[in-house]
Amino acid sequence: MACARCGGLIVKESVYDREGSSQVILMDRCLQCGHIEDPVSARNRAQISQSPTQKGKVRRDPEHPYPPIQLAKG
């Protein structure tokens, strides 16, 4: 299996849940770049990409705090 970021080798790694429980979670980790892909983040990423109702924010340039420089007529 190849990493989506760098193309490196992906290995399965079992880790304990962060919240102190004894539950073991199986994750994919890239040996080259260290990218970790767990089932929860993969599911969330898939839901975001499939959501047709998600509205994109319009990026606007902020207004400059000072007025533009006026050239002297000469």
C-alpha atoms as a PDB file:
ATOM      1  CA  MET A   1       0.000   0.000   0.000  1.00  0.00           C
ATOM      2  CA  ALA A   2       1.358   3.468  -0.897  1.00  0.00           C
ATOM      3  CA  CYS A   3       1.036   6.732   1.034  1.00  0.00           C
ATOM      4  CA  ALA A   4      -1.247   9.346  -0.531  1.00  0.00           C
ATOM      5  CA  ARG A   5       1.161  12.117   0.486  1.00  0.00           C
ATOM      6  CA  CYS A   6       4.583  10.851  -0.500  1.00  0.00           C
ATOM      7  CA  GLY A   7       4.139   7.410  -2.061  1.00  0.00           C
ATOM      8  CA  GLY A   8       6.014   5.705   0.798  1.00  0.00           C
ATOM      9  CA  LEU A   9       5.249   2.340   2.384  1.00  0.00           C
ATOM     10  CA  ILE A  10       2.136   2.160   4.594  1.00  0.00           C
ATOM     11  CA  VAL A  11       2.125  -0.204   7.582  1.00  0.00           C
ATOM     12  CA  LYS A  12      -0.703  -1.188   9.923  1.00  0.00           C
ATOM     13  CA  GLU A  13      -0.096  -0.065  13.490  1.00  0.00           C
ATOM     14  CA  SER A  14      -2.174  -0.806  16.573  1.00  0.00           C
ATOM     15  CA  VAL A  15      -2.320   1.939  19.201  1.00  0.00           C
ATOM     16  CA  TYR A  16      -4.273   2.460  22.395  1.00  0.00           C
ATOM     17  CA  ASP A  17      -7.136   4.949  22.465  1.00  0.00           C
ATOM     18  CA  ARG A  18      -6.017   8.405  23.662  1.00  0.00           C
ATOM     19  CA  GLU A  19      -8.810   8.773  26.167  1.00  0.00           C
ATOM     20  CA  GLY A  20      -7.277   6.334  28.626  1.00  0.00           C
ATOM     21  CA  SER A  21      -9.395   3.315  27.757  1.00  0.00           C
ATOM     22  CA  SER A  22      -7.847  -0.032  26.942  1.00  0.00           C
ATOM     23  CA  GLN A  23      -9.368  -0.032  23.444  1.00  0.00           C
ATOM     24  CA  VAL A  24      -6.887  -0.705  20.641  1.00  0.00           C
ATOM     25  CA  ILE A  25      -7.301   1.158  17.342  1.00  0.00           C
ATOM     26  CA  LEU A  26      -5.781   0.008  14.063  1.00  0.00           C
ATOM     27  CA  MET A  27      -4.184   2.832  12.049  1.00  0.00           C
ATOM     28  CA  ASP A  28      -2.202   3.140   8.832  1.00  0.00           C
ATOM     29  CA  ARG A  29       1.167   4.917   9.151  1.00  0.00           C
ATOM     30  CA  CYS A  30       3.659   5.853   6.441  1.00  0.00           C
ATOM     31  CA  LEU A  31       7.207   4.778   7.214  1.00  0.00           C
ATOM     32  CA  GLN A  32       8.669   7.559   5.071  1.00  0.00           C
ATOM     33  CA  CYS A  33       6.786  10.741   6.044  1.00  0.00           C
ATOM     34  CA  GLY A  34       4.959   9.586   9.200  1.00  0.00           C
ATOM     35  CA  HIS A  35       1.466  10.422   7.920  1.00  0.00           C
ATOM     36  CA  ILE A  36      -1.154   8.637  10.049  1.00  0.00           C
ATOM     37  CA  GLU A  37      -4.574   7.705   8.693  1.00  0.00           C
ATOM     38  CA  ASP A  38      -7.130   6.438  11.185  1.00  0.00           C
ATOM     39  CA  PRO A  39     -10.681   5.240  10.433  1.00  0.00           C
ATOM     40  CA  VAL A  40     -12.389   8.259  12.038  1.00  0.00           C
ATOM     41  CA  SER A  41     -10.478  10.876  10.059  1.00  0.00           C
ATOM     42  CA  ALA A  42     -10.922   8.891   6.834  1.00  0.00           C
ATOM     43  CA  ARG A  43     -14.698   8.694   7.417  1.00  0.00           C
ATOM     44  CA  ASN A  44     -14.919  12.418   8.226  1.00  0.00           C
ATOM     45  CA  ARG A  45     -12.899  13.332   5.131  1.00  0.00           C
ATOM     46  CA  ALA A  46     -15.186  11.185   2.957  1.00  0.00           C
ATOM     47  CA  GLN A  47     -18.319  12.841   4.392  1.00  0.00           C
ATOM     48  CA  ILE A  48     -16.958  16.331   3.731  1.00  0.00           C
ATOM     49  CA  SER A  49     -16.084  15.576   0.123  1.00  0.00           C
ATOM     50  CA  GLN A  50     -19.542  14.066  -0.537  1.00  0.00           C
ATOM     51  CA  SER A  51     -21.557  16.819   1.150  1.00  0.00           C
ATOM     52  CA  PRO A  52     -23.351  18.815  -1.597  1.00  0.00           C
ATOM     53  CA  THR A  53     -24.900  21.288   0.869  1.00  0.00           C
ATOM     54  CA  GLN A  54     -21.597  22.573   2.178  1.00  0.00           C
ATOM     55  CA  LYS A  55     -21.227  26.211   1.288  1.00  0.00           C
ATOM     56  CA  GLY A  56     -17.799  27.532   0.460  1.00  0.00           C
ATOM     57  CA  LYS A  57     -16.740  30.757   2.084  1.00  0.00           C
ATOM     58  CA  VAL A  58     -16.081  33.659  -0.216  1.00  0.00           C
ATOM     59  CA  ARG A  59     -12.626  35.030   0.301  1.00  0.00           C
ATOM     60  CA  ARG A  60     -12.538  38.781   0.187  1.00  0.00           C
ATOM     61  CA  ASP A  61      -9.576  41.097   0.263  1.00  0.00           C
ATOM     62  CA  PRO A  62      -9.571  43.144   3.457  1.00  0.00           C
ATOM     63  CA  GLU A  63      -9.841  46.857   3.027  1.00  0.00           C
ATOM     64  CA  HIS A  64      -6.560  48.656   3.453  1.00  0.00           C
ATOM     65  CA  PRO A  65      -6.518  50.780   6.624  1.00  0.00           C
ATOM     66  CA  TYR A  66      -5.078  53.791   4.761  1.00  0.00           C
ATOM     67  CA  PRO A  67      -6.504  55.501   1.664  1.00  0.00           C
ATOM     68  CA  PRO A  68      -4.556  55.159  -1.580  1.00  0.00           C
ATOM     69  CA  ILE A  69      -1.761  57.650  -2.223  1.00  0.00           C
ATOM     70  CA  GLN A  70      -2.890  60.580  -4.334  1.00  0.00           C
ATOM     71  CA  LEU A  71      -0.380  61.789  -6.901  1.00  0.00           C
ATOM     72  CA  ALA A  72       0.266  65.511  -6.976  1.00  0.00           C
ATOM     73  CA  LYS A  73      -0.817  67.245 -10.160  1.00  0.00           C
ATOM     74  CA  GLY A  74       2.016  69.194 -11.613  1.00  0.00           C
END
